């Protein structure tokens, strides 16, 4: 059995078409089609049913895929570990990061990783909208998260936890009052998200640390942390923001922190990947990102404390 042809078949099965497989492998359509045909000829059986509009596996194809996909992935992992130990990590990583956050906090870490591992190719997608790692064939997705994680088909690793606060501009409070309960927020203008955080960032920590969400009214929805903070400063609505991003505005009186009956849930930065073993090169990149975030936000939190004590 030709291992390279088997790998091509597995990618075709996972991608659902020769075109998608060729893009994932970075080779021409004709190469994928030829190697797939050669693999079928070698085995003496048809593995894929083709038409102009779709592709699906035969029963034999499903059986071959079920028995070999995990084994091939394990072989790739062993190969990556060996080459890494020898100082030569290789392969492709498809990574998704939040656009603003990625550019501000992760750009250096990702660039340094590329320099440290010249045989690794990196495709980095920047998007505030959450991307499905399975459908988009993404190895790792770095994303914002607040609340419960409900998708059992994905694995989530927490990289950073940011305390959050509910804030409002003083002139907005003068107009609408100071809410003292979570329930009161439902009647007030609030700023929410469009696609990020599942369109609802308003999660709180209840009794016994149980998470719950509140449906707030919002005519202003943004997926940009900068626009969120500016909207709060302008008095468009009450907002839930990580403390480290708005502490200076609170200290200078441009925003007021609200004391409610339940605290807001922290904003988490997480790494999400398909429910399978993450490849070694992606694991090392996630490790570097986690170390970078821990170091940068330790400095940022220290600076916030210094500014607070100075006042």
C-alpha atoms as a PDB file:
ATOM      1  CA  UNK A   1       0.000   0.000   0.000  1.00  0.00           C
ATOM      2  CA  UNK A   2       1.393   3.380  -1.032  1.00  0.00           C
ATOM      3  CA  UNK A   3       1.350   5.580   2.098  1.00  0.00           C
ATOM      4  CA  UNK A   4       1.336   8.841   0.113  1.00  0.00           C
ATOM      5  CA  UNK A   5      -1.652   7.677  -1.939  1.00  0.00           C
ATOM      6  CA  UNK A   6      -3.416   6.661   1.286  1.00  0.00           C
ATOM      7  CA  UNK A   7      -2.837  10.144   2.699  1.00  0.00           C
ATOM      8  CA  UNK A   8      -4.327  11.686  -0.441  1.00  0.00           C
ATOM      9  CA  UNK A   9      -7.395   9.445  -0.136  1.00  0.00           C
ATOM     10  CA  UNK A  10      -7.856  10.453   3.524  1.00  0.00           C
ATOM     11  CA  UNK A  11      -7.691  14.157   2.689  1.00  0.00           C
ATOM     12  CA  UNK A  12     -10.199  13.673  -0.169  1.00  0.00           C
ATOM     13  CA  UNK A  13     -12.540  11.837   2.219  1.00  0.00           C
ATOM     14  CA  UNK A  14     -12.268  14.590   4.842  1.00  0.00           C
ATOM     15  CA  UNK A  15     -12.552  17.502   2.419  1.00  0.00           C
ATOM     16  CA  UNK A  16     -15.424  16.073   0.383  1.00  0.00           C
ATOM     17  CA  UNK A  17     -14.026  16.905  -3.049  1.00  0.00           C
ATOM     18  CA  UNK A  18     -10.884  16.647  -5.147  1.00  0.00           C
ATOM     19  CA  UNK A  19     -10.782  20.446  -5.489  1.00  0.00           C
ATOM     20  CA  UNK A  20     -10.877  21.023  -1.730  1.00  0.00           C
ATOM     21  CA  UNK A  21      -8.311  18.278  -1.182  1.00  0.00           C
ATOM     22  CA  UNK A  22      -5.957  19.815  -3.738  1.00  0.00           C
ATOM     23  CA  UNK A  23      -6.176  23.165  -1.923  1.00  0.00           C
ATOM     24  CA  UNK A  24      -5.549  21.526   1.444  1.00  0.00           C
ATOM     25  CA  UNK A  25      -2.553  19.614   0.077  1.00  0.00           C
ATOM     26  CA  UNK A  26      -1.254  22.459  -2.045  1.00  0.00           C
ATOM     27  CA  UNK A  27      -1.048  20.367  -5.225  1.00  0.00           C
ATOM     28  CA  UNK A  28      -2.916  20.467  -8.568  1.00  0.00           C
ATOM     29  CA  UNK A  29      -6.339  18.826  -8.972  1.00  0.00           C
ATOM     30  CA  UNK A  30      -4.909  16.484 -11.575  1.00  0.00           C
ATOM     31  CA  UNK A  31      -2.303  15.181  -9.125  1.00  0.00           C
ATOM     32  CA  UNK A  32      -4.933  14.405  -6.472  1.00  0.00           C
ATOM     33  CA  UNK A  33      -7.220  12.714  -9.030  1.00  0.00           C
ATOM     34  CA  UNK A  34      -4.348  10.669 -10.480  1.00  0.00           C
ATOM     35  CA  UNK A  35      -3.034   9.470  -7.126  1.00  0.00           C
ATOM     36  CA  UNK A  36      -6.542   8.632  -5.941  1.00  0.00           C
ATOM     37  CA  UNK A  37      -7.129   6.546  -9.096  1.00  0.00           C
ATOM     38  CA  UNK A  38      -3.758   4.817  -8.629  1.00  0.00           C
ATOM     39  CA  UNK A  39      -4.641   3.988  -5.028  1.00  0.00           C
ATOM     40  CA  UNK A  40      -7.974   2.463  -6.102  1.00  0.00           C
ATOM     41  CA  UNK A  41      -6.218   0.465  -8.821  1.00  0.00           C
ATOM     42  CA  UNK A  42      -3.634  -0.791  -6.347  1.00  0.00           C
ATOM     43  CA  UNK A  43      -6.332  -1.992  -3.939  1.00  0.00           C
ATOM     44  CA  UNK A  44      -8.526  -3.330  -6.718  1.00  0.00           C
ATOM     45  CA  UNK A  45     -11.662  -1.592  -5.452  1.00  0.00           C
ATOM     46  CA  UNK A  46     -13.553   1.656  -5.932  1.00  0.00           C
ATOM     47  CA  UNK A  47     -13.274   3.897  -2.875  1.00  0.00           C
ATOM     48  CA  UNK A  48     -15.021   7.044  -4.118  1.00  0.00           C
ATOM     49  CA  UNK A  49     -18.163   7.685  -6.157  1.00  0.00           C
ATOM     50  CA  UNK A  50     -17.669  10.797  -8.271  1.00  0.00           C
ATOM     51  CA  UNK A  51     -20.058  13.069 -10.108  1.00  0.00           C
ATOM     52  CA  UNK A  52     -19.830  16.622 -11.429  1.00  0.00           C
ATOM     53  CA  UNK A  53     -21.519  17.968  -8.290  1.00  0.00           C
ATOM     54  CA  UNK A  54     -20.473  15.776  -5.383  1.00  0.00           C
ATOM     55  CA  UNK A  55     -18.212  13.035  -4.112  1.00  0.00           C
ATOM     56  CA  UNK A  56     -18.968  10.335  -1.571  1.00  0.00           C
ATOM     57  CA  UNK A  57     -17.261   7.256  -0.244  1.00  0.00           C
ATOM     58  CA  UNK A  58     -18.279   3.738  -1.178  1.00  0.00           C
ATOM     59  CA  UNK A  59     -18.746   1.198   1.608  1.00  0.00           C
ATOM     60  CA  UNK A  60     -15.187   0.014   0.956  1.00  0.00           C
ATOM     61  CA  UNK A  61     -13.966   3.614   1.078  1.00  0.00           C
ATOM     62  CA  UNK A  62     -15.707   4.202   4.405  1.00  0.00           C
ATOM     63  CA  UNK A  63     -14.158   1.043   5.819  1.00  0.00           C
ATOM     64  CA  UNK A  64     -10.647   1.940   4.633  1.00  0.00           C
ATOM     65  CA  UNK A  65     -10.996   5.479   5.998  1.00  0.00           C
ATOM     66  CA  UNK A  66     -12.289   4.313   9.389  1.00  0.00           C
ATOM     67  CA  UNK A  67      -9.391   1.871   9.821  1.00  0.00           C
ATOM     68  CA  UNK A  68      -6.543   4.081   8.580  1.00  0.00           C
ATOM     69  CA  UNK A  69      -7.245   7.793   9.276  1.00  0.00           C
ATOM     70  CA  UNK A  70      -6.234   7.711  12.951  1.00  0.00           C
ATOM     71  CA  UNK A  71      -3.195   5.540  12.204  1.00  0.00           C
ATOM     72  CA  UNK A  72      -1.892   7.921   9.527  1.00  0.00           C
ATOM     73  CA  UNK A  73      -2.394  10.874  11.868  1.00  0.00           C
ATOM     74  CA  UNK A  74      -0.419   9.070  14.557  1.00  0.00           C
ATOM     75  CA  UNK A  75       2.373   8.335  12.066  1.00  0.00           C
ATOM     76  CA  UNK A  76       2.497  12.022  11.095  1.00  0.00           C
ATOM     77  CA  UNK A  77       2.641  12.960  14.766  1.00  0.00           C
ATOM     78  CA  UNK A  78       5.528  10.582  15.423  1.00  0.00           C
ATOM     79  CA  UNK A  79       7.365  11.964  12.386  1.00  0.00           C
ATOM     80  CA  UNK A  80       6.831  15.552  13.568  1.00  0.00           C
ATOM     81  CA  UNK A  81       8.040  14.731  17.068  1.00  0.00           C
ATOM     82  CA  UNK A  82      11.174  13.068  15.751  1.00  0.00           C
ATOM     83  CA  UNK A  83      11.992  15.934  13.391  1.00  0.00           C
ATOM     84  CA  UNK A  84      11.252  18.433  16.179  1.00  0.00           C
ATOM     85  CA  UNK A  85      13.645  16.647  18.530  1.00  0.00           C
ATOM     86  CA  UNK A  86      16.240  16.820  15.783  1.00  0.00           C
ATOM     87  CA  UNK A  87      15.609  20.557  15.484  1.00  0.00           C
ATOM     88  CA  UNK A  88      13.653  20.461  12.226  1.00  0.00           C
ATOM     89  CA  UNK A  89       9.889  20.847  12.653  1.00  0.00           C
ATOM     90  CA  UNK A  90       8.039  20.660   9.314  1.00  0.00           C
ATOM     91  CA  UNK A  91       4.561  20.847   7.816  1.00  0.00           C
ATOM     92  CA  UNK A  92       1.676  23.319   7.543  1.00  0.00           C
ATOM     93  CA  UNK A  93      -0.330  25.054  10.263  1.00  0.00           C
ATOM     94  CA  UNK A  94      -3.612  26.755   9.453  1.00  0.00           C
ATOM     95  CA  UNK A  95      -4.350  29.184  12.263  1.00  0.00           C
ATOM     96  CA  UNK A  96      -7.275  31.531  12.921  1.00  0.00           C
ATOM     97  CA  UNK A  97      -6.958  34.492  15.310  1.00  0.00           C
ATOM     98  CA  UNK A  98      -9.217  37.445  16.244  1.00  0.00           C
ATOM     99  CA  UNK A  99      -8.242  40.322  13.958  1.00  0.00           C
ATOM    100  CA  UNK A 100      -7.595  43.160  16.447  1.00  0.00           C
ATOM    101  CA  UNK A 101      -6.369  40.965  19.283  1.00  0.00           C
ATOM    102  CA  UNK A 102      -4.160  38.899  16.994  1.00  0.00           C
ATOM    103  CA  UNK A 103      -2.511  41.928  15.442  1.00  0.00           C
ATOM    104  CA  UNK A 104      -1.862  43.570  18.805  1.00  0.00           C
ATOM    105  CA  UNK A 105      -0.893  40.638  21.014  1.00  0.00           C
ATOM    106  CA  UNK A 106       0.051  37.644  18.832  1.00  0.00           C
ATOM    107  CA  UNK A 107       1.819  39.064  15.785  1.00  0.00           C
ATOM    108  CA  UNK A 108       5.310  38.831  17.261  1.00  0.00           C
ATOM    109  CA  UNK A 109       4.840  35.331  18.694  1.00  0.00           C
ATOM    110  CA  UNK A 110       3.588  33.923  15.378  1.00  0.00           C
ATOM    111  CA  UNK A 111       6.346  35.643  13.392  1.00  0.00           C
ATOM    112  CA  UNK A 112       9.012  34.373  15.802  1.00  0.00           C
ATOM    113  CA  UNK A 113       7.645  30.834  15.513  1.00  0.00           C
ATOM    114  CA  UNK A 114       7.931  31.064  11.719  1.00  0.00           C
ATOM    115  CA  UNK A 115      11.572  32.182  12.048  1.00  0.00           C
ATOM    116  CA  UNK A 116      12.370  29.446  14.566  1.00  0.00           C
ATOM    117  CA  UNK A 117      10.875  26.736  12.321  1.00  0.00           C
ATOM    118  CA  UNK A 118      11.690  27.572   8.675  1.00  0.00           C
ATOM    119  CA  UNK A 119      10.245  24.279   7.382  1.00  0.00           C
ATOM    120  CA  UNK A 120       6.808  25.055   8.836  1.00  0.00           C
ATOM    121  CA  UNK A 121       4.403  26.984   6.606  1.00  0.00           C
ATOM    122  CA  UNK A 122       1.782  29.081   8.394  1.00  0.00           C
ATOM    123  CA  UNK A 123      -1.557  30.238   7.013  1.00  0.00           C
ATOM    124  CA  UNK A 124      -3.065  32.756   9.437  1.00  0.00           C
ATOM    125  CA  UNK A 125      -6.705  33.803   9.053  1.00  0.00           C
ATOM    126  CA  UNK A 126      -7.734  36.942  10.957  1.00  0.00           C
ATOM    127  CA  UNK A 127     -11.435  37.200  11.741  1.00  0.00           C
ATOM    128  CA  UNK A 128     -13.543  38.367  14.674  1.00  0.00           C
ATOM    129  CA  UNK A 129     -16.291  35.933  13.696  1.00  0.00           C
ATOM    130  CA  UNK A 130     -15.813  32.436  15.136  1.00  0.00           C
ATOM    131  CA  UNK A 131     -14.593  29.956  12.523  1.00  0.00           C
ATOM    132  CA  UNK A 132     -15.458  26.256  12.581  1.00  0.00           C
ATOM    133  CA  UNK A 133     -12.115  24.400  12.666  1.00  0.00           C
ATOM    134  CA  UNK A 134     -13.656  21.337  11.025  1.00  0.00           C
ATOM    135  CA  UNK A 135     -15.469  23.014   8.134  1.00  0.00           C
ATOM    136  CA  UNK A 136     -12.652  25.465   7.445  1.00  0.00           C
ATOM    137  CA  UNK A 137      -9.924  22.823   7.869  1.00  0.00           C
ATOM    138  CA  UNK A 138      -8.230  24.893  10.586  1.00  0.00           C
ATOM    139  CA  UNK A 139      -5.663  23.266  12.851  1.00  0.00           C
ATOM    140  CA  UNK A 140      -6.076  25.783  15.675  1.00  0.00           C
ATOM    141  CA  UNK A 141      -8.484  28.656  16.205  1.00  0.00           C
ATOM    142  CA  UNK A 142      -7.592  31.291  18.821  1.00  0.00           C
ATOM    143  CA  UNK A 143     -10.850  32.895  19.918  1.00  0.00           C
ATOM    144  CA  UNK A 144     -12.630  34.935  22.550  1.00  0.00           C
ATOM    145  CA  UNK A 145     -14.965  32.984  24.825  1.00  0.00           C
ATOM    146  CA  UNK A 146     -17.353  33.871  27.625  1.00  0.00           C
ATOM    147  CA  UNK A 147     -19.848  31.444  29.098  1.00  0.00           C
ATOM    148  CA  UNK A 148     -20.276  27.697  28.687  1.00  0.00           C
ATOM    149  CA  UNK A 149     -18.550  25.764  25.902  1.00  0.00           C
ATOM    150  CA  UNK A 150     -21.179  23.527  24.339  1.00  0.00           C
ATOM    151  CA  UNK A 151     -19.654  22.004  21.173  1.00  0.00           C
ATOM    152  CA  UNK A 152     -18.574  18.473  22.096  1.00  0.00           C
ATOM    153  CA  UNK A 153     -17.023  17.936  18.655  1.00  0.00           C
ATOM    154  CA  UNK A 154     -14.253  20.420  19.494  1.00  0.00           C
ATOM    155  CA  UNK A 155     -11.526  20.614  22.120  1.00  0.00           C
ATOM    156  CA  UNK A 156     -10.924  23.897  23.948  1.00  0.00           C
ATOM    157  CA  UNK A 157      -7.785  24.895  25.848  1.00  0.00           C
ATOM    158  CA  UNK A 158      -7.914  28.050  27.982  1.00  0.00           C
ATOM    159  CA  UNK A 159      -4.934  30.328  27.366  1.00  0.00           C
ATOM    160  CA  UNK A 160      -5.854  33.509  29.230  1.00  0.00           C
ATOM    161  CA  UNK A 161      -8.561  34.619  31.651  1.00  0.00           C
ATOM    162  CA  UNK A 162      -9.437  38.316  31.852  1.00  0.00           C
ATOM    163  CA  UNK A 163     -11.596  39.711  34.659  1.00  0.00           C
ATOM    164  CA  UNK A 164     -14.513  41.665  33.181  1.00  0.00           C
ATOM    165  CA  UNK A 165     -16.553  44.607  34.462  1.00  0.00           C
ATOM    166  CA  UNK A 166     -19.819  46.271  33.464  1.00  0.00           C
ATOM    167  CA  UNK A 167     -19.277  49.956  32.766  1.00  0.00           C
ATOM    168  CA  UNK A 168     -21.089  53.011  31.458  1.00  0.00           C
ATOM    169  CA  UNK A 169     -20.323  56.637  30.697  1.00  0.00           C
ATOM    170  CA  UNK A 170     -21.342  59.100  33.451  1.00  0.00           C
ATOM    171  CA  UNK A 171     -23.783  60.966  31.166  1.00  0.00           C
ATOM    172  CA  UNK A 172     -25.500  57.687  30.231  1.00  0.00           C
ATOM    173  CA  UNK A 173     -25.978  56.903  33.926  1.00  0.00           C
ATOM    174  CA  UNK A 174     -27.422  60.379  34.496  1.00  0.00           C
ATOM    175  CA  UNK A 175     -29.993  59.666  31.797  1.00  0.00           C
ATOM    176  CA  UNK A 176     -30.902  56.031  32.587  1.00  0.00           C
ATOM    177  CA  UNK A 177     -29.790  55.548  36.179  1.00  0.00           C
ATOM    178  CA  UNK A 178     -27.418  53.149  37.930  1.00  0.00           C
ATOM    179  CA  UNK A 179     -28.644  49.547  37.703  1.00  0.00           C
ATOM    180  CA  UNK A 180     -28.035  47.448  40.799  1.00  0.00           C
ATOM    181  CA  UNK A 181     -29.193  44.104  39.444  1.00  0.00           C
ATOM    182  CA  UNK A 182     -28.664  41.962  36.363  1.00  0.00           C
ATOM    183  CA  UNK A 183     -32.408  42.068  35.716  1.00  0.00           C
ATOM    184  CA  UNK A 184     -32.302  45.864  35.366  1.00  0.00           C
ATOM    185  CA  UNK A 185     -29.917  45.582  32.410  1.00  0.00           C
ATOM    186  CA  UNK A 186     -32.661  43.996  30.314  1.00  0.00           C
ATOM    187  CA  UNK A 187     -34.462  47.365  30.248  1.00  0.00           C
ATOM    188  CA  UNK A 188     -31.398  49.472  29.447  1.00  0.00           C
ATOM    189  CA  UNK A 189     -29.488  50.212  26.230  1.00  0.00           C
ATOM    190  CA  UNK A 190     -26.491  47.890  26.021  1.00  0.00           C
ATOM    191  CA  UNK A 191     -23.673  47.262  23.587  1.00  0.00           C
ATOM    192  CA  UNK A 192     -23.426  43.722  22.308  1.00  0.00           C
ATOM    193  CA  UNK A 193     -21.533  41.661  19.736  1.00  0.00           C
ATOM    194  CA  UNK A 194     -22.506  40.881  16.169  1.00  0.00           C
ATOM    195  CA  UNK A 195     -20.886  37.479  15.582  1.00  0.00           C
ATOM    196  CA  UNK A 196     -18.208  37.124  18.261  1.00  0.00           C
ATOM    197  CA  UNK A 197     -19.063  35.409  21.571  1.00  0.00           C
ATOM    198  CA  UNK A 198     -22.116  33.790  19.935  1.00  0.00           C
ATOM    199  CA  UNK A 199     -23.744  37.229  19.602  1.00  0.00           C
ATOM    200  CA  UNK A 200     -24.177  37.540  23.373  1.00  0.00           C
ATOM    201  CA  UNK A 201     -21.279  38.619  25.600  1.00  0.00           C
ATOM    202  CA  UNK A 202     -23.574  39.168  28.590  1.00  0.00           C
ATOM    203  CA  UNK A 203     -22.736  36.175  30.788  1.00  0.00           C
ATOM    204  CA  UNK A 204     -22.530  36.299  34.582  1.00  0.00           C
ATOM    205  CA  UNK A 205     -21.327  34.139  37.461  1.00  0.00           C
ATOM    206  CA  UNK A 206     -24.224  32.944  39.581  1.00  0.00           C
ATOM    207  CA  UNK A 207     -24.412  30.891  42.762  1.00  0.00           C
ATOM    208  CA  UNK A 208     -21.748  28.170  43.026  1.00  0.00           C
ATOM    209  CA  UNK A 209     -19.942  29.757  40.070  1.00  0.00           C
ATOM    210  CA  UNK A 210     -22.645  28.655  37.646  1.00  0.00           C
ATOM    211  CA  UNK A 211     -22.735  30.649  34.434  1.00  0.00           C
ATOM    212  CA  UNK A 212     -25.901  32.216  33.049  1.00  0.00           C
ATOM    213  CA  UNK A 213     -26.597  34.753  30.328  1.00  0.00           C
ATOM    214  CA  UNK A 214     -28.859  37.776  30.126  1.00  0.00           C
ATOM    215  CA  UNK A 215     -30.651  38.870  26.966  1.00  0.00           C
ATOM    216  CA  UNK A 216     -30.132  42.606  26.743  1.00  0.00           C
ATOM    217  CA  UNK A 217     -31.510  45.141  24.309  1.00  0.00           C
ATOM    218  CA  UNK A 218     -28.922  46.409  21.870  1.00  0.00           C
ATOM    219  CA  UNK A 219     -29.077  48.676  18.842  1.00  0.00           C
ATOM    220  CA  UNK A 220     -25.275  48.834  18.693  1.00  0.00           C
ATOM    221  CA  UNK A 221     -23.502  45.541  17.984  1.00  0.00           C
ATOM    222  CA  UNK A 222     -19.794  45.398  17.210  1.00  0.00           C
ATOM    223  CA  UNK A 223     -17.105  42.733  16.935  1.00  0.00           C
ATOM    224  CA  UNK A 224     -14.301  45.191  17.645  1.00  0.00           C
ATOM    225  CA  UNK A 225     -12.966  45.764  21.160  1.00  0.00           C
ATOM    226  CA  UNK A 226     -11.886  49.270  20.159  1.00  0.00           C
ATOM    227  CA  UNK A 227     -15.368  50.120  18.881  1.00  0.00           C
ATOM    228  CA  UNK A 228     -16.873  48.552  22.007  1.00  0.00           C
ATOM    229  CA  UNK A 229     -14.831  50.799  24.302  1.00  0.00           C
ATOM    230  CA  UNK A 230     -15.437  53.900  22.167  1.00  0.00           C
ATOM    231  CA  UNK A 231     -19.159  53.170  22.110  1.00  0.00           C
ATOM    232  CA  UNK A 232     -19.178  52.942  25.902  1.00  0.00           C
ATOM    233  CA  UNK A 233     -17.219  56.182  26.246  1.00  0.00           C
ATOM    234  CA  UNK A 234     -19.671  57.973  23.929  1.00  0.00           C
ATOM    235  CA  UNK A 235     -22.611  56.778  26.012  1.00  0.00           C
ATOM    236  CA  UNK A 236     -24.247  54.543  23.406  1.00  0.00           C
ATOM    237  CA  UNK A 237     -24.908  51.855  25.981  1.00  0.00           C
ATOM    238  CA  UNK A 238     -23.799  49.904  29.018  1.00  0.00           C
ATOM    239  CA  UNK A 239     -20.920  47.560  28.165  1.00  0.00           C
ATOM    240  CA  UNK A 240     -19.127  44.510  29.526  1.00  0.00           C
ATOM    241  CA  UNK A 241     -15.364  44.905  29.030  1.00  0.00           C
ATOM    242  CA  UNK A 242     -12.214  43.198  30.368  1.00  0.00           C
ATOM    243  CA  UNK A 243     -10.907  45.324  33.243  1.00  0.00           C
ATOM    244  CA  UNK A 244      -7.399  45.537  31.826  1.00  0.00           C
ATOM    245  CA  UNK A 245      -8.777  47.264  28.695  1.00  0.00           C
ATOM    246  CA  UNK A 246     -10.777  49.944  30.519  1.00  0.00           C
ATOM    247  CA  UNK A 247      -9.101  50.455  33.917  1.00  0.00           C
ATOM    248  CA  UNK A 248      -7.521  53.716  32.827  1.00  0.00           C
ATOM    249  CA  UNK A 249     -10.889  55.116  31.660  1.00  0.00           C
ATOM    250  CA  UNK A 250     -12.442  54.097  34.993  1.00  0.00           C
ATOM    251  CA  UNK A 251      -9.615  55.700  36.956  1.00  0.00           C
ATOM    252  CA  UNK A 252      -9.966  58.970  35.072  1.00  0.00           C
ATOM    253  CA  UNK A 253     -13.758  59.062  35.454  1.00  0.00           C
ATOM    254  CA  UNK A 254     -14.645  58.588  31.785  1.00  0.00           C
ATOM    255  CA  UNK A 255     -16.321  55.269  32.625  1.00  0.00           C
ATOM    256  CA  UNK A 256     -18.074  54.149  35.803  1.00  0.00           C
ATOM    257  CA  UNK A 257     -17.821  50.554  37.025  1.00  0.00           C
ATOM    258  CA  UNK A 258     -21.208  49.205  38.096  1.00  0.00           C
ATOM    259  CA  UNK A 259     -21.713  47.034  41.173  1.00  0.00           C
ATOM    260  CA  UNK A 260     -24.357  44.444  40.344  1.00  0.00           C
ATOM    261  CA  UNK A 261     -25.841  41.504  42.250  1.00  0.00           C
ATOM    262  CA  UNK A 262     -23.708  39.063  40.214  1.00  0.00           C
ATOM    263  CA  UNK A 263     -20.277  39.611  38.682  1.00  0.00           C
ATOM    264  CA  UNK A 264     -19.757  39.287  34.928  1.00  0.00           C
ATOM    265  CA  UNK A 265     -18.078  36.127  33.674  1.00  0.00           C
ATOM    266  CA  UNK A 266     -14.433  36.618  32.696  1.00  0.00           C
ATOM    267  CA  UNK A 267     -13.437  36.868  29.058  1.00  0.00           C
ATOM    268  CA  UNK A 268     -11.271  33.933  28.084  1.00  0.00           C
ATOM    269  CA  UNK A 269      -8.846  33.602  25.225  1.00  0.00           C
ATOM    270  CA  UNK A 270      -8.923  29.972  24.124  1.00  0.00           C
ATOM    271  CA  UNK A 271      -7.392  27.637  21.586  1.00  0.00           C
ATOM    272  CA  UNK A 272      -9.991  25.507  19.802  1.00  0.00           C
ATOM    273  CA  UNK A 273      -9.223  22.521  17.621  1.00  0.00           C
ATOM    274  CA  UNK A 274     -11.099  19.522  16.197  1.00  0.00           C
ATOM    275  CA  UNK A 275     -11.847  16.603  18.480  1.00  0.00           C
ATOM    276  CA  UNK A 276      -8.727  14.712  17.526  1.00  0.00           C
ATOM    277  CA  UNK A 277      -5.093  14.769  18.595  1.00  0.00           C
ATOM    278  CA  UNK A 278      -3.564  18.120  17.740  1.00  0.00           C
ATOM    279  CA  UNK A 279      -0.415  17.758  15.637  1.00  0.00           C
ATOM    280  CA  UNK A 280       2.919  18.417  17.291  1.00  0.00           C
ATOM    281  CA  UNK A 281       3.779  21.609  15.381  1.00  0.00           C
ATOM    282  CA  UNK A 282       0.394  23.155  16.225  1.00  0.00           C
ATOM    283  CA  UNK A 283       0.798  22.151  19.858  1.00  0.00           C
ATOM    284  CA  UNK A 284       4.161  23.938  19.998  1.00  0.00           C
ATOM    285  CA  UNK A 285       2.675  27.070  18.428  1.00  0.00           C
ATOM    286  CA  UNK A 286      -0.184  27.086  20.960  1.00  0.00           C
ATOM    287  CA  UNK A 287       2.375  26.687  23.746  1.00  0.00           C
ATOM    288  CA  UNK A 288       4.316  29.707  22.474  1.00  0.00           C
ATOM    289  CA  UNK A 289       1.109  31.762  22.182  1.00  0.00           C
ATOM    290  CA  UNK A 290       0.099  30.809  25.738  1.00  0.00           C
ATOM    291  CA  UNK A 291       3.520  31.819  27.097  1.00  0.00           C
ATOM    292  CA  UNK A 292       3.407  35.091  25.180  1.00  0.00           C
ATOM    293  CA  UNK A 293      -0.050  35.995  26.478  1.00  0.00           C
ATOM    294  CA  UNK A 294       0.869  35.123  30.061  1.00  0.00           C
ATOM    295  CA  UNK A 295       3.978  37.307  29.913  1.00  0.00           C
ATOM    296  CA  UNK A 296       2.339  40.269  28.148  1.00  0.00           C
ATOM    297  CA  UNK A 297      -0.732  40.405  30.358  1.00  0.00           C
ATOM    298  CA  UNK A 298       1.338  39.984  33.513  1.00  0.00           C
ATOM    299  CA  UNK A 299       3.137  43.179  32.495  1.00  0.00           C
ATOM    300  CA  UNK A 300      -0.140  44.869  31.526  1.00  0.00           C
ATOM    301  CA  UNK A 301      -1.790  43.982  34.855  1.00  0.00           C
ATOM    302  CA  UNK A 302       1.279  45.233  36.696  1.00  0.00           C
ATOM    303  CA  UNK A 303       1.092  48.536  34.814  1.00  0.00           C
ATOM    304  CA  UNK A 304      -2.626  48.850  35.638  1.00  0.00           C
ATOM    305  CA  UNK A 305      -1.898  48.327  39.360  1.00  0.00           C
ATOM    306  CA  UNK A 306       0.887  50.899  39.240  1.00  0.00           C
ATOM    307  CA  UNK A 307      -1.439  53.473  37.618  1.00  0.00           C
ATOM    308  CA  UNK A 308      -4.153  52.731  40.204  1.00  0.00           C
ATOM    309  CA  UNK A 309      -1.786  53.107  43.170  1.00  0.00           C
ATOM    310  CA  UNK A 310      -0.379  56.330  41.720  1.00  0.00           C
ATOM    311  CA  UNK A 311      -3.861  57.822  41.769  1.00  0.00           C
END
